[in-house]
PDB file of N, CA and C in Angstrom:
ATOM      1  N   UNK A   1      13.000   5.347  19.320  1.00  0.00           N
ATOM      2  CA  UNK A   1      12.539   6.174  20.426  1.00  0.00           C
ATOM      3  C   UNK A   1      11.395   5.463  21.151  1.00  0.00           C
ATOM      4  N   UNK A   2      11.466   5.423  22.458  1.00  0.00           N
ATOM      5  CA  UNK A   2      10.436   4.747  23.249  1.00  0.00           C
ATOM      6  C   UNK A   2       9.175   5.593  23.323  1.00  0.00           C
ATOM      7  N   UNK A   3       8.062   4.926  23.304  1.00  0.00           N
ATOM      8  CA  UNK A   3       6.779   5.580  23.501  1.00  0.00           C
ATOM      9  C   UNK A   3       6.349   5.350  24.936  1.00  0.00           C
ATOM     10  N   UNK A   4       5.693   6.332  25.531  1.00  0.00           N
ATOM     11  CA  UNK A   4       5.203   6.185  26.892  1.00  0.00           C
ATOM     12  C   UNK A   4       3.757   6.656  26.994  1.00  0.00           C
ATOM     13  N   UNK A   5       3.073   6.109  27.973  1.00  0.00           N
ATOM     14  CA  UNK A   5       1.727   6.541  28.330  1.00  0.00           C
ATOM     15  C   UNK A   5       1.623   6.427  29.841  1.00  0.00           C
ATOM     16  N   UNK A   6       0.956   7.388  30.457  1.00  0.00           N
ATOM     17  CA  UNK A   6       0.815   7.338  31.916  1.00  0.00           C
ATOM     18  C   UNK A   6      -0.446   8.073  32.342  1.00  0.00           C
ATOM     19  N   UNK A   7      -0.857   7.773  33.562  1.00  0.00           N
ATOM     20  CA  UNK A   7      -1.975   8.485  34.180  1.00  0.00           C
ATOM     21  C   UNK A   7      -1.895   8.298  35.683  1.00  0.00           C
ATOM     22  N   UNK A   8      -2.493   9.225  36.394  1.00  0.00           N
ATOM     23  CA  UNK A   8      -2.620   9.122  37.848  1.00  0.00           C
ATOM     24  C   UNK A   8      -4.061   8.762  38.157  1.00  0.00           C
ATOM     25  N   UNK A   9      -4.229   7.899  39.155  1.00  0.00           N
ATOM     26  CA  UNK A   9      -5.569   7.437  39.508  1.00  0.00           C
ATOM     27  C   UNK A   9      -5.598   7.069  40.983  1.00  0.00           C
ATOM     28  N   UNK A  10      -6.710   7.349  41.628  1.00  0.00           N
ATOM     29  CA  UNK A  10      -6.933   6.961  43.015  1.00  0.00           C
ATOM     30  C   UNK A  10      -8.202   6.118  43.056  1.00  0.00           C
ATOM     31  N   UNK A  11      -8.088   4.917  43.610  1.00  0.00           N
ATOM     32  CA  UNK A  11      -9.255   4.041  43.731  1.00  0.00           C
ATOM     33  C   UNK A  11      -9.864   4.185  45.120  1.00  0.00           C
ATOM     34  N   UNK A  12     -11.175   4.178  45.171  1.00  0.00           N
ATOM     35  CA  UNK A  12     -11.902   4.205  46.441  1.00  0.00           C
ATOM     36  C   UNK A  12     -12.307   2.783  46.818  1.00  0.00           C
ATOM     37  N   UNK A  13     -12.799   2.635  48.028  1.00  0.00           N
ATOM     38  CA  UNK A  13     -13.329   1.331  48.423  1.00  0.00           C
ATOM     39  C   UNK A  13     -14.495   0.935  47.520  1.00  0.00           C
ATOM     40  N   UNK A  14     -15.284   1.917  47.112  1.00  0.00           N
ATOM     41  CA  UNK A  14     -16.400   1.634  46.200  1.00  0.00           C
ATOM     42  C   UNK A  14     -15.882   1.066  44.874  1.00  0.00           C
ATOM     43  N   UNK A  15     -14.727   1.552  44.400  1.00  0.00           N
ATOM     44  CA  UNK A  15     -14.130   1.002  43.171  1.00  0.00           C
ATOM     45  C   UNK A  15     -13.740  -0.460  43.382  1.00  0.00           C
ATOM     46  N   UNK A  16     -13.104  -0.763  44.525  1.00  0.00           N
ATOM     47  CA  UNK A  16     -12.727  -2.145  44.833  1.00  0.00           C
ATOM     48  C   UNK A  16     -13.965  -3.037  44.882  1.00  0.00           C
ATOM     49  N   UNK A  17     -15.022  -2.531  45.515  1.00  0.00           N
ATOM     50  CA  UNK A  17     -16.263  -3.301  45.642  1.00  0.00           C
ATOM     51  C   UNK A  17     -16.886  -3.557  44.268  1.00  0.00           C
ATOM     52  N   UNK A  18     -16.901  -2.534  43.414  1.00  0.00           N
ATOM     53  CA  UNK A  18     -17.474  -2.686  42.076  1.00  0.00           C
ATOM     54  C   UNK A  18     -16.664  -3.695  41.260  1.00  0.00           C
ATOM     55  N   UNK A  19     -15.335  -3.635  41.357  1.00  0.00           N
ATOM     56  CA  UNK A  19     -14.500  -4.583  40.623  1.00  0.00           C
ATOM     57  C   UNK A  19     -14.735  -5.999  41.146  1.00  0.00           C
ATOM     58  N   UNK A  20     -14.898  -6.140  42.449  1.00  0.00           N
ATOM     59  CA  UNK A  20     -15.178  -7.463  43.026  1.00  0.00           C
ATOM     60  C   UNK A  20     -16.490  -8.013  42.476  1.00  0.00           C
ATOM     61  N   UNK A  21     -17.490  -7.176  42.355  1.00  0.00           N
ATOM     62  CA  UNK A  21     -18.775  -7.604  41.814  1.00  0.00           C
ATOM     63  C   UNK A  21     -18.631  -8.039  40.361  1.00  0.00           C
ATOM     64  N   UNK A  22     -17.907  -7.249  39.570  1.00  0.00           N
ATOM     65  CA  UNK A  22     -17.725  -7.573  38.150  1.00  0.00           C
ATOM     66  C   UNK A  22     -16.879  -8.825  37.941  1.00  0.00           C
ATOM     67  N   UNK A  23     -15.824  -8.970  38.746  1.00  0.00           N
ATOM     68  CA  UNK A  23     -14.872 -10.067  38.538  1.00  0.00           C
ATOM     69  C   UNK A  23     -15.244 -11.346  39.280  1.00  0.00           C
ATOM     70  N   UNK A  24     -16.035 -11.212  40.342  1.00  0.00           N
ATOM     71  CA  UNK A  24     -16.340 -12.369  41.176  1.00  0.00           C
ATOM     72  C   UNK A  24     -15.279 -12.622  42.237  1.00  0.00           C
ATOM     73  N   UNK A  25     -14.230 -11.792  42.272  1.00  0.00           N
ATOM     74  CA  UNK A  25     -13.156 -11.936  43.260  1.00  0.00           C
ATOM     75  C   UNK A  25     -13.498 -11.063  44.462  1.00  0.00           C
ATOM     76  N   UNK A  26     -14.157 -11.683  45.446  1.00  0.00           N
ATOM     77  CA  UNK A  26     -14.556 -10.928  46.633  1.00  0.00           C
ATOM     78  C   UNK A  26     -13.701 -11.295  47.847  1.00  0.00           C
ATOM     79  N   UNK A  27     -12.430 -11.557  47.617  1.00  0.00           N
ATOM     80  CA  UNK A  27     -11.489 -11.823  48.703  1.00  0.00           C
ATOM     81  C   UNK A  27     -11.592 -10.676  49.709  1.00  0.00           C
ATOM     82  N   UNK A  28     -11.702 -10.983  50.993  1.00  0.00           N
ATOM     83  CA  UNK A  28     -11.898  -9.928  51.987  1.00  0.00           C
ATOM     84  C   UNK A  28     -10.744  -8.916  52.067  1.00  0.00           C
ATOM     85  N   UNK A  29      -9.564  -9.253  51.587  1.00  0.00           N
ATOM     86  CA  UNK A  29      -8.464  -8.278  51.593  1.00  0.00           C
ATOM     87  C   UNK A  29      -8.785  -7.093  50.678  1.00  0.00           C
ATOM     88  N   UNK A  30      -9.724  -7.300  49.741  1.00  0.00           N
ATOM     89  CA  UNK A  30     -10.123  -6.244  48.814  1.00  0.00           C
ATOM     90  C   UNK A  30     -11.409  -5.539  49.228  1.00  0.00           C
ATOM     91  N   UNK A  31     -12.305  -6.257  49.915  1.00  0.00           N
ATOM     92  CA  UNK A  31     -13.663  -5.713  50.101  1.00  0.00           C
ATOM     93  C   UNK A  31     -14.138  -5.610  51.545  1.00  0.00           C
ATOM     94  N   UNK A  32     -13.367  -6.069  52.498  1.00  0.00           N
ATOM     95  CA  UNK A  32     -13.798  -6.049  53.899  1.00  0.00           C
ATOM     96  C   UNK A  32     -12.804  -5.248  54.744  1.00  0.00           C
ATOM     97  N   UNK A  33     -13.069  -3.949  54.935  1.00  0.00           N
ATOM     98  CA  UNK A  33     -12.134  -3.112  55.687  1.00  0.00           C
ATOM     99  C   UNK A  33     -11.838  -3.624  57.094  1.00  0.00           C
ATOM    100  N   UNK A  34     -12.828  -4.215  57.756  1.00  0.00           N
ATOM    101  CA  UNK A  34     -12.603  -4.733  59.108  1.00  0.00           C
ATOM    102  C   UNK A  34     -11.610  -5.903  59.069  1.00  0.00           C
ATOM    103  N   UNK A  35     -11.828  -6.830  58.150  1.00  0.00           N
ATOM    104  CA  UNK A  35     -10.904  -7.950  57.996  1.00  0.00           C
ATOM    105  C   UNK A  35      -9.511  -7.438  57.625  1.00  0.00           C
ATOM    106  N   UNK A  36      -9.463  -6.561  56.620  1.00  0.00           N
ATOM    107  CA  UNK A  36      -8.178  -6.071  56.109  1.00  0.00           C
ATOM    108  C   UNK A  36      -7.390  -5.318  57.177  1.00  0.00           C
ATOM    109  N   UNK A  37      -8.082  -4.668  58.116  1.00  0.00           N
ATOM    110  CA  UNK A  37      -7.400  -3.942  59.187  1.00  0.00           C
ATOM    111  C   UNK A  37      -6.540  -4.871  60.030  1.00  0.00           C
ATOM    112  N   UNK A  38      -6.912  -6.139  60.118  1.00  0.00           N
ATOM    113  CA  UNK A  38      -6.159  -7.109  60.903  1.00  0.00           C
ATOM    114  C   UNK A  38      -5.059  -7.816  60.130  1.00  0.00           C
ATOM    115  N   UNK A  39      -4.843  -7.436  58.874  1.00  0.00           N
ATOM    116  CA  UNK A  39      -3.794  -8.061  58.067  1.00  0.00           C
ATOM    117  C   UNK A  39      -2.522  -7.216  58.100  1.00  0.00           C
ATOM    118  N   UNK A  40      -1.468  -7.736  57.497  1.00  0.00           N
ATOM    119  CA  UNK A  40      -0.206  -6.982  57.457  1.00  0.00           C
ATOM    120  C   UNK A  40      -0.323  -5.684  56.670  1.00  0.00           C
ATOM    121  N   UNK A  41      -1.351  -5.564  55.818  1.00  0.00           N
ATOM    122  CA  UNK A  41      -1.544  -4.336  55.053  1.00  0.00           C
ATOM    123  C   UNK A  41      -2.283  -3.260  55.847  1.00  0.00           C
ATOM    124  N   UNK A  42      -3.116  -3.671  56.804  1.00  0.00           N
ATOM    125  CA  UNK A  42      -3.820  -2.723  57.654  1.00  0.00           C
ATOM    126  C   UNK A  42      -5.040  -2.084  57.028  1.00  0.00           C
ATOM    127  N   UNK A  43      -5.278  -2.348  55.778  1.00  0.00           N
ATOM    128  CA  UNK A  43      -6.445  -1.803  55.075  1.00  0.00           C
ATOM    129  C   UNK A  43      -6.640  -2.582  53.779  1.00  0.00           C
ATOM    130  N   UNK A  44      -7.782  -2.337  53.120  1.00  0.00           N
ATOM    131  CA  UNK A  44      -8.037  -3.039  51.874  1.00  0.00           C
ATOM    132  C   UNK A  44      -7.049  -2.589  50.801  1.00  0.00           C
ATOM    133  N   UNK A  45      -6.797  -3.498  49.860  1.00  0.00           N
ATOM    134  CA  UNK A  45      -5.863  -3.220  48.772  1.00  0.00           C
ATOM    135  C   UNK A  45      -6.499  -3.608  47.437  1.00  0.00           C
ATOM    136  N   UNK A  46      -5.991  -3.007  46.392  1.00  0.00           N
ATOM    137  CA  UNK A  46      -6.524  -3.238  45.044  1.00  0.00           C
ATOM    138  C   UNK A  46      -6.289  -4.666  44.577  1.00  0.00           C
ATOM    139  N   UNK A  47      -7.198  -5.159  43.787  1.00  0.00           N
ATOM    140  CA  UNK A  47      -7.013  -6.412  43.067  1.00  0.00           C
ATOM    141  C   UNK A  47      -5.884  -6.201  42.058  1.00  0.00           C
ATOM    142  N   UNK A  48      -5.015  -7.181  41.916  1.00  0.00           N
ATOM    143  CA  UNK A  48      -3.979  -7.100  40.893  1.00  0.00           C
ATOM    144  C   UNK A  48      -4.581  -6.954  39.508  1.00  0.00           C
ATOM    145  N   UNK A  49      -5.697  -7.646  39.270  1.00  0.00           N
ATOM    146  CA  UNK A  49      -6.345  -7.577  37.959  1.00  0.00           C
ATOM    147  C   UNK A  49      -6.899  -6.175  37.679  1.00  0.00           C
ATOM    148  N   UNK A  50      -7.296  -5.456  38.709  1.00  0.00           N
ATOM    149  CA  UNK A  50      -7.766  -4.080  38.528  1.00  0.00           C
ATOM    150  C   UNK A  50      -6.610  -3.199  38.059  1.00  0.00           C
ATOM    151  N   UNK A  51      -5.451  -3.349  38.704  1.00  0.00           N
ATOM    152  CA  UNK A  51      -4.275  -2.578  38.281  1.00  0.00           C
ATOM    153  C   UNK A  51      -3.921  -2.917  36.835  1.00  0.00           C
ATOM    154  N   UNK A  52      -3.952  -4.199  36.502  1.00  0.00           N
ATOM    155  CA  UNK A  52      -3.611  -4.632  35.140  1.00  0.00           C
ATOM    156  C   UNK A  52      -4.617  -4.125  34.111  1.00  0.00           C
ATOM    157  N   UNK A  53      -5.866  -3.993  34.502  1.00  0.00           N
ATOM    158  CA  UNK A  53      -6.872  -3.470  33.577  1.00  0.00           C
ATOM    159  C   UNK A  53      -6.558  -2.021  33.205  1.00  0.00           C
ATOM    160  N   UNK A  54      -6.139  -1.232  34.185  1.00  0.00           N
ATOM    161  CA  UNK A  54      -5.768   0.161  33.904  1.00  0.00           C
ATOM    162  C   UNK A  54      -4.510   0.194  33.035  1.00  0.00           C
ATOM    163  N   UNK A  55      -3.539  -0.647  33.364  1.00  0.00           N
ATOM    164  CA  UNK A  55      -2.326  -0.722  32.546  1.00  0.00           C
ATOM    165  C   UNK A  55      -2.662  -1.131  31.114  1.00  0.00           C
ATOM    166  N   UNK A  56      -3.610  -2.039  30.945  1.00  0.00           N
ATOM    167  CA  UNK A  56      -3.996  -2.472  29.597  1.00  0.00           C
ATOM    168  C   UNK A  56      -4.537  -1.301  28.796  1.00  0.00           C
ATOM    169  N   UNK A  57      -5.249  -0.398  29.450  1.00  0.00           N
ATOM    170  CA  UNK A  57      -5.718   0.808  28.766  1.00  0.00           C
ATOM    171  C   UNK A  57      -4.562   1.654  28.256  1.00  0.00           C
ATOM    172  N   UNK A  58      -3.480   1.736  29.037  1.00  0.00           N
ATOM    173  CA  UNK A  58      -2.300   2.479  28.586  1.00  0.00           C
ATOM    174  C   UNK A  58      -1.621   1.761  27.423  1.00  0.00           C
ATOM    175  N   UNK A  59      -1.569   0.443  27.484  1.00  0.00           N
ATOM    176  CA  UNK A  59      -0.994  -0.335  26.381  1.00  0.00           C
ATOM    177  C   UNK A  59      -1.776  -0.047  25.097  1.00  0.00           C
ATOM    178  N   UNK A  60      -3.071   0.072  25.212  1.00  0.00           N
ATOM    179  CA  UNK A  60      -3.913   0.376  24.044  1.00  0.00           C
ATOM    180  C   UNK A  60      -3.524   1.724  23.429  1.00  0.00           C
ATOM    181  N   UNK A  61      -3.105   2.677  24.257  1.00  0.00           N
ATOM    182  CA  UNK A  61      -2.634   3.961  23.732  1.00  0.00           C
ATOM    183  C   UNK A  61      -1.355   3.786  22.921  1.00  0.00           C
ATOM    184  N   UNK A  62      -0.504   2.871  23.332  1.00  0.00           N
ATOM    185  CA  UNK A  62       0.773   2.656  22.657  1.00  0.00           C
ATOM    186  C   UNK A  62       0.629   1.804  21.401  1.00  0.00           C
ATOM    187  N   UNK A  63      -0.251   0.811  21.452  1.00  0.00           N
ATOM    188  CA  UNK A  63      -0.467  -0.107  20.315  1.00  0.00           C
ATOM    189  C   UNK A  63      -1.983  -0.232  20.113  1.00  0.00           C
ATOM    190  N   UNK A  64      -2.591   0.772  19.475  1.00  0.00           N
ATOM    191  CA  UNK A  64      -4.046   0.738  19.298  1.00  0.00           C
ATOM    192  C   UNK A  64      -4.502  -0.533  18.580  1.00  0.00           C
ATOM    193  N   UNK A  65      -5.473  -1.204  19.178  1.00  0.00           N
ATOM    194  CA  UNK A  65      -6.015  -2.428  18.595  1.00  0.00           C
ATOM    195  C   UNK A  65      -5.093  -3.630  18.705  1.00  0.00           C
ATOM    196  N   UNK A  66      -4.000  -3.485  19.450  1.00  0.00           N
ATOM    197  CA  UNK A  66      -3.035  -4.579  19.578  1.00  0.00           C
ATOM    198  C   UNK A  66      -3.592  -5.774  20.331  1.00  0.00           C
ATOM    199  N   UNK A  67      -3.054  -6.947  19.981  1.00  0.00           N
ATOM    200  CA  UNK A  67      -3.438  -8.188  20.664  1.00  0.00           C
ATOM    201  C   UNK A  67      -2.352  -8.536  21.669  1.00  0.00           C
ATOM    202  N   UNK A  68      -2.715  -8.622  22.906  1.00  0.00           N
ATOM    203  CA  UNK A  68      -1.761  -8.971  23.949  1.00  0.00           C
ATOM    204  C   UNK A  68      -1.444 -10.463  23.834  1.00  0.00           C
ATOM    205  N   UNK A  69      -0.146 -10.801  23.749  1.00  0.00           N
ATOM    206  CA  UNK A  69       0.212 -12.207  23.603  1.00  0.00           C
ATOM    207  C   UNK A  69       0.882 -12.766  24.851  1.00  0.00           C
ATOM    208  N   UNK A  70       1.347 -11.907  25.741  1.00  0.00           N
ATOM    209  CA  UNK A  70       1.866 -12.382  27.027  1.00  0.00           C
ATOM    210  C   UNK A  70       1.914 -11.218  27.998  1.00  0.00           C
ATOM    211  N   UNK A  71       1.901 -11.562  29.277  1.00  0.00           N
ATOM    212  CA  UNK A  71       2.054 -10.554  30.324  1.00  0.00           C
ATOM    213  C   UNK A  71       2.574 -11.236  31.567  1.00  0.00           C
ATOM    214  N   UNK A  72       3.488 -10.575  32.243  1.00  0.00           N
ATOM    215  CA  UNK A  72       4.002 -11.049  33.526  1.00  0.00           C
ATOM    216  C   UNK A  72       4.073  -9.847  34.454  1.00  0.00           C
ATOM    217  N   UNK A  73       3.471  -9.979  35.635  1.00  0.00           N
ATOM    218  CA  UNK A  73       3.500  -8.879  36.599  1.00  0.00           C
ATOM    219  C   UNK A  73       3.811  -9.410  37.991  1.00  0.00           C
ATOM    220  N   UNK A  74       4.377  -8.525  38.795  1.00  0.00           N
ATOM    221  CA  UNK A  74       4.654  -8.801  40.206  1.00  0.00           C
ATOM    222  C   UNK A  74       4.071  -7.664  41.023  1.00  0.00           C
ATOM    223  N   UNK A  75       3.820  -7.947  42.295  1.00  0.00           N
ATOM    224  CA  UNK A  75       3.177  -6.971  43.181  1.00  0.00           C
ATOM    225  C   UNK A  75       4.007  -6.835  44.460  1.00  0.00           C
ATOM    226  N   UNK A  76       5.093  -6.052  44.414  1.00  0.00           N
ATOM    227  CA  UNK A  76       6.001  -5.962  45.562  1.00  0.00           C
ATOM    228  C   UNK A  76       5.472  -5.160  46.747  1.00  0.00           C
ATOM    229  N   UNK A  77       4.418  -4.384  46.546  1.00  0.00           N
ATOM    230  CA  UNK A  77       3.843  -3.583  47.636  1.00  0.00           C
ATOM    231  C   UNK A  77       2.355  -3.398  47.345  1.00  0.00           C
ATOM    232  N   UNK A  78       1.562  -3.151  48.376  1.00  0.00           N
ATOM    233  CA  UNK A  78       0.118  -3.011  48.180  1.00  0.00           C
ATOM    234  C   UNK A  78      -0.280  -1.654  47.595  1.00  0.00           C
ATOM    235  N   UNK A  79      -1.458  -1.640  46.980  1.00  0.00           N
ATOM    236  CA  UNK A  79      -2.084  -0.425  46.451  1.00  0.00           C
ATOM    237  C   UNK A  79      -3.383  -0.218  47.226  1.00  0.00           C
ATOM    238  N   UNK A  80      -3.325   0.512  48.344  1.00  0.00           N
ATOM    239  CA  UNK A  80      -4.513   0.687  49.188  1.00  0.00           C
ATOM    240  C   UNK A  80      -5.554   1.623  48.580  1.00  0.00           C
ATOM    241  N   UNK A  81      -6.751   1.538  49.111  1.00  0.00           N
ATOM    242  CA  UNK A  81      -7.815   2.468  48.734  1.00  0.00           C
ATOM    243  C   UNK A  81      -7.406   3.883  49.139  1.00  0.00           C
ATOM    244  N   UNK A  82      -7.855   4.839  48.349  1.00  0.00           N
ATOM    245  CA  UNK A  82      -7.686   6.268  48.632  1.00  0.00           C
ATOM    246  C   UNK A  82      -6.238   6.745  48.630  1.00  0.00           C
ATOM    247  N   UNK A  83      -5.354   6.017  47.970  1.00  0.00           N
ATOM    248  CA  UNK A  83      -3.951   6.414  47.849  1.00  0.00           C
ATOM    249  C   UNK A  83      -3.671   6.667  46.361  1.00  0.00           C
ATOM    250  N   UNK A  84      -3.231   7.867  45.995  1.00  0.00           N
ATOM    251  CA  UNK A  84      -2.959   8.155  44.589  1.00  0.00           C
ATOM    252  C   UNK A  84      -1.863   7.252  44.017  1.00  0.00           C
ATOM    253  N   UNK A  85      -2.126   6.763  42.797  1.00  0.00           N
ATOM    254  CA  UNK A  85      -1.204   5.869  42.102  1.00  0.00           C
ATOM    255  C   UNK A  85      -0.841   6.479  40.753  1.00  0.00           C
ATOM    256  N   UNK A  86       0.372   6.187  40.310  1.00  0.00           N
ATOM    257  CA  UNK A  86       0.790   6.559  38.958  1.00  0.00           C
ATOM    258  C   UNK A  86       0.969   5.271  38.155  1.00  0.00           C
ATOM    259  N   UNK A  87       0.308   5.201  37.015  1.00  0.00           N
ATOM    260  CA  UNK A  87       0.380   4.068  36.103  1.00  0.00           C
ATOM    261  C   UNK A  87       1.243   4.478  34.910  1.00  0.00           C
ATOM    262  N   UNK A  88       2.219   3.635  34.559  1.00  0.00           N
ATOM    263  CA  UNK A  88       3.110   3.921  33.439  1.00  0.00           C
ATOM    264  C   UNK A  88       3.241   2.706  32.538  1.00  0.00           C
ATOM    265  N   UNK A  89       3.293   2.954  31.242  1.00  0.00           N
ATOM    266  CA  UNK A  89       3.593   1.931  30.240  1.00  0.00           C
ATOM    267  C   UNK A  89       4.608   2.548  29.289  1.00  0.00           C
ATOM    268  N   UNK A  90       5.641   1.787  28.966  1.00  0.00           N
ATOM    269  CA  UNK A  90       6.697   2.295  28.094  1.00  0.00           C
ATOM    270  C   UNK A  90       7.122   1.209  27.115  1.00  0.00           C
ATOM    271  N   UNK A  91       7.085   1.529  25.836  1.00  0.00           N
ATOM    272  CA  UNK A  91       7.576   0.597  24.825  1.00  0.00           C
ATOM    273  C   UNK A  91       9.095   0.547  24.935  1.00  0.00           C
ATOM    274  N   UNK A  92       9.621  -0.656  25.187  1.00  0.00           N
ATOM    275  CA  UNK A  92      11.070  -0.789  25.355  1.00  0.00           C
ATOM    276  C   UNK A  92      11.727  -1.510  24.186  1.00  0.00           C
ATOM    277  N   UNK A  93      10.937  -2.164  23.346  1.00  0.00           N
ATOM    278  CA  UNK A  93      11.481  -2.843  22.173  1.00  0.00           C
ATOM    279  C   UNK A  93      10.354  -3.180  21.207  1.00  0.00           C
ATOM    280  N   UNK A  94      10.710  -3.250  19.943  1.00  0.00           N
ATOM    281  CA  UNK A  94       9.807  -3.767  18.914  1.00  0.00           C
ATOM    282  C   UNK A  94      10.657  -4.682  18.042  1.00  0.00           C
ATOM    283  N   UNK A  95      10.278  -5.954  18.018  1.00  0.00           N
ATOM    284  CA  UNK A  95      11.033  -6.943  17.258  1.00  0.00           C
ATOM    285  C   UNK A  95      10.066  -7.883  16.561  1.00  0.00           C
ATOM    286  N   UNK A  96      10.262  -8.078  15.280  1.00  0.00           N
ATOM    287  CA  UNK A  96       9.393  -8.945  14.478  1.00  0.00           C
ATOM    288  C   UNK A  96       7.922  -8.573  14.639  1.00  0.00           C
ATOM    289  N   UNK A  97       7.657  -7.281  14.734  1.00  0.00           N
ATOM    290  CA  UNK A  97       6.286  -6.809  14.839  1.00  0.00           C
ATOM    291  C   UNK A  97       5.659  -6.925  16.217  1.00  0.00           C
ATOM    292  N   UNK A  98       6.419  -7.369  17.210  1.00  0.00           N
ATOM    293  CA  UNK A  98       5.896  -7.509  18.570  1.00  0.00           C
ATOM    294  C   UNK A  98       6.509  -6.421  19.452  1.00  0.00           C
ATOM    295  N   UNK A  99       5.649  -5.645  20.081  1.00  0.00           N
ATOM    296  CA  UNK A  99       6.106  -4.597  20.994  1.00  0.00           C
ATOM    297  C   UNK A  99       6.221  -5.167  22.403  1.00  0.00           C
ATOM    298  N   UNK A 100       7.357  -4.917  23.046  1.00  0.00           N
ATOM    299  CA  UNK A 100       7.540  -5.260  24.451  1.00  0.00           C
ATOM    300  C   UNK A 100       7.362  -3.976  25.242  1.00  0.00           C
ATOM    301  N   UNK A 101       6.464  -4.027  26.202  1.00  0.00           N
ATOM    302  CA  UNK A 101       6.082  -2.827  26.950  1.00  0.00           C
ATOM    303  C   UNK A 101       6.296  -3.070  28.437  1.00  0.00           C
ATOM    304  N   UNK A 102       7.060  -2.170  29.051  1.00  0.00           N
ATOM    305  CA  UNK A 102       7.288  -2.215  30.500  1.00  0.00           C
ATOM    306  C   UNK A 102       6.066  -1.608  31.182  1.00  0.00           C
ATOM    307  N   UNK A 103       5.623  -2.255  32.261  1.00  0.00           N
ATOM    308  CA  UNK A 103       4.452  -1.820  33.026  1.00  0.00           C
ATOM    309  C   UNK A 103       4.859  -1.487  34.453  1.00  0.00           C
ATOM    310  N   UNK A 104       4.252  -0.444  35.008  1.00  0.00           N
ATOM    311  CA  UNK A 104       4.581  -0.090  36.394  1.00  0.00           C
ATOM    312  C   UNK A 104       3.451   0.715  37.030  1.00  0.00           C
ATOM    313  N   UNK A 105       3.209   0.426  38.304  1.00  0.00           N
ATOM    314  CA  UNK A 105       2.296   1.221  39.127  1.00  0.00           C
ATOM    315  C   UNK A 105       3.094   1.650  40.354  1.00  0.00           C
ATOM    316  N   UNK A 106       2.981   2.929  40.718  1.00  0.00           N
ATOM    317  CA  UNK A 106       3.723   3.460  41.852  1.00  0.00           C
ATOM    318  C   UNK A 106       2.779   4.271  42.751  1.00  0.00           C
ATOM    319  N   UNK A 107       2.920   4.067  44.061  1.00  0.00           N
ATOM    320  CA  UNK A 107       2.190   4.909  45.017  1.00  0.00           C
ATOM    321  C   UNK A 107       2.852   6.285  45.033  1.00  0.00           C
ATOM    322  N   UNK A 108       2.087   7.319  44.831  1.00  0.00           N
ATOM    323  CA  UNK A 108       2.664   8.661  44.812  1.00  0.00           C
ATOM    324  C   UNK A 108       3.019   9.161  46.213  1.00  0.00           C
ATOM    325  N   UNK A 109       2.410   8.591  47.229  1.00  0.00           N
ATOM    326  CA  UNK A 109       2.674   9.043  48.600  1.00  0.00           C
ATOM    327  C   UNK A 109       4.097   8.745  49.052  1.00  0.00           C
ATOM    328  N   UNK A 110       4.666   7.635  48.594  1.00  0.00           N
ATOM    329  CA  UNK A 110       6.020   7.263  49.035  1.00  0.00           C
ATOM    330  C   UNK A 110       6.895   6.733  47.903  1.00  0.00           C
ATOM    331  N   UNK A 111       6.384   6.816  46.664  1.00  0.00           N
ATOM    332  CA  UNK A 111       7.125   6.401  45.466  1.00  0.00           C
ATOM    333  C   UNK A 111       7.464   4.908  45.451  1.00  0.00           C
ATOM    334  N   UNK A 112       6.728   4.098  46.181  1.00  0.00           N
ATOM    335  CA  UNK A 112       6.933   2.632  46.170  1.00  0.00           C
ATOM    336  C   UNK A 112       6.245   2.035  44.958  1.00  0.00           C
ATOM    337  N   UNK A 113       6.935   1.109  44.314  1.00  0.00           N
ATOM    338  CA  UNK A 113       6.368   0.378  43.189  1.00  0.00           C
ATOM    339  C   UNK A 113       5.424  -0.678  43.755  1.00  0.00           C
ATOM    340  N   UNK A 114       4.188  -0.698  43.239  1.00  0.00           N
ATOM    341  CA  UNK A 114       3.203  -1.669  43.718  1.00  0.00           C
ATOM    342  C   UNK A 114       2.910  -2.759  42.690  1.00  0.00           C
ATOM    343  N   UNK A 115       3.248  -2.505  41.448  1.00  0.00           N
ATOM    344  CA  UNK A 115       3.076  -3.486  40.384  1.00  0.00           C
ATOM    345  C   UNK A 115       4.139  -3.200  39.334  1.00  0.00           C
ATOM    346  N   UNK A 116       4.808  -4.249  38.888  1.00  0.00           N
ATOM    347  CA  UNK A 116       5.785  -4.081  37.814  1.00  0.00           C
ATOM    348  C   UNK A 116       5.773  -5.315  36.926  1.00  0.00           C
ATOM    349  N   UNK A 117       6.150  -5.113  35.702  1.00  0.00           N
ATOM    350  CA  UNK A 117       6.202  -6.230  34.785  1.00  0.00           C
ATOM    351  C   UNK A 117       6.328  -5.785  33.359  1.00  0.00           C
ATOM    352  N   UNK A 118       5.958  -6.671  32.461  1.00  0.00           N
ATOM    353  CA  UNK A 118       5.953  -6.327  31.053  1.00  0.00           C
ATOM    354  C   UNK A 118       4.933  -7.160  30.305  1.00  0.00           C
ATOM    355  N   UNK A 119       4.614  -6.666  29.125  1.00  0.00           N
ATOM    356  CA  UNK A 119       3.673  -7.347  28.255  1.00  0.00           C
ATOM    357  C   UNK A 119       4.223  -7.321  26.842  1.00  0.00           C
ATOM    358  N   UNK A 120       3.774  -8.272  26.042  1.00  0.00           N
ATOM    359  CA  UNK A 120       4.102  -8.298  24.627  1.00  0.00           C
ATOM    360  C   UNK A 120       2.799  -8.158  23.848  1.00  0.00           C
ATOM    361  N   UNK A 121       2.821  -7.282  22.854  1.00  0.00           N
ATOM    362  CA  UNK A 121       1.613  -6.965  22.111  1.00  0.00           C
ATOM    363  C   UNK A 121       1.929  -6.971  20.608  1.00  0.00           C
ATOM    364  N   UNK A 122       1.058  -7.602  19.873  1.00  0.00           N
ATOM    365  CA  UNK A 122       1.190  -7.635  18.414  1.00  0.00           C
ATOM    366  C   UNK A 122       0.106  -6.726  17.816  1.00  0.00           C
ATOM    367  N   UNK A 123       0.515  -5.825  16.911  1.00  0.00           N
ATOM    368  CA  UNK A 123      -0.465  -4.931  16.284  1.00  0.00           C
ATOM    369  C   UNK A 123      -1.502  -5.690  15.469  1.00  0.00           C
TER     370      UNK A 123
END
C-alpha cells in the first residue's frame, strides 16, 4: 500500500525574499517584481530549491530520519507568489530498503503541475 503526505501552501514575495537571503540565490526572477513583470512569467516565481525543501519535509513524514540518496525534478510551469500550491509525496516502491517517492507540486488555481519528479530515500 502506498503512503502519501500532502499540504497546501501559498508563498508570498516576502517568503521568496527570505529564501533568497538564506540561499544566496537572488536571481531577479525570484526577488524583483519589476524585472519579473517583463519576463514570460509576468511576475516573480518560486525558487525550485524552495519547492524541493517543502517536498523534503513531506518525504520526512513518509520516511522519518531517512537519508536522501537521489532526487530528480522538473519544473514544467511556474509557481508565482500569492498562488496556492498543493505539495504531494507518494511512496511508489520500496526495494532493497530504498523507498522511491513521487514528488509533485500543483497550482490550485488551474491544476497545473509546477514541479514533478522523484526521490530515493534510505531509512
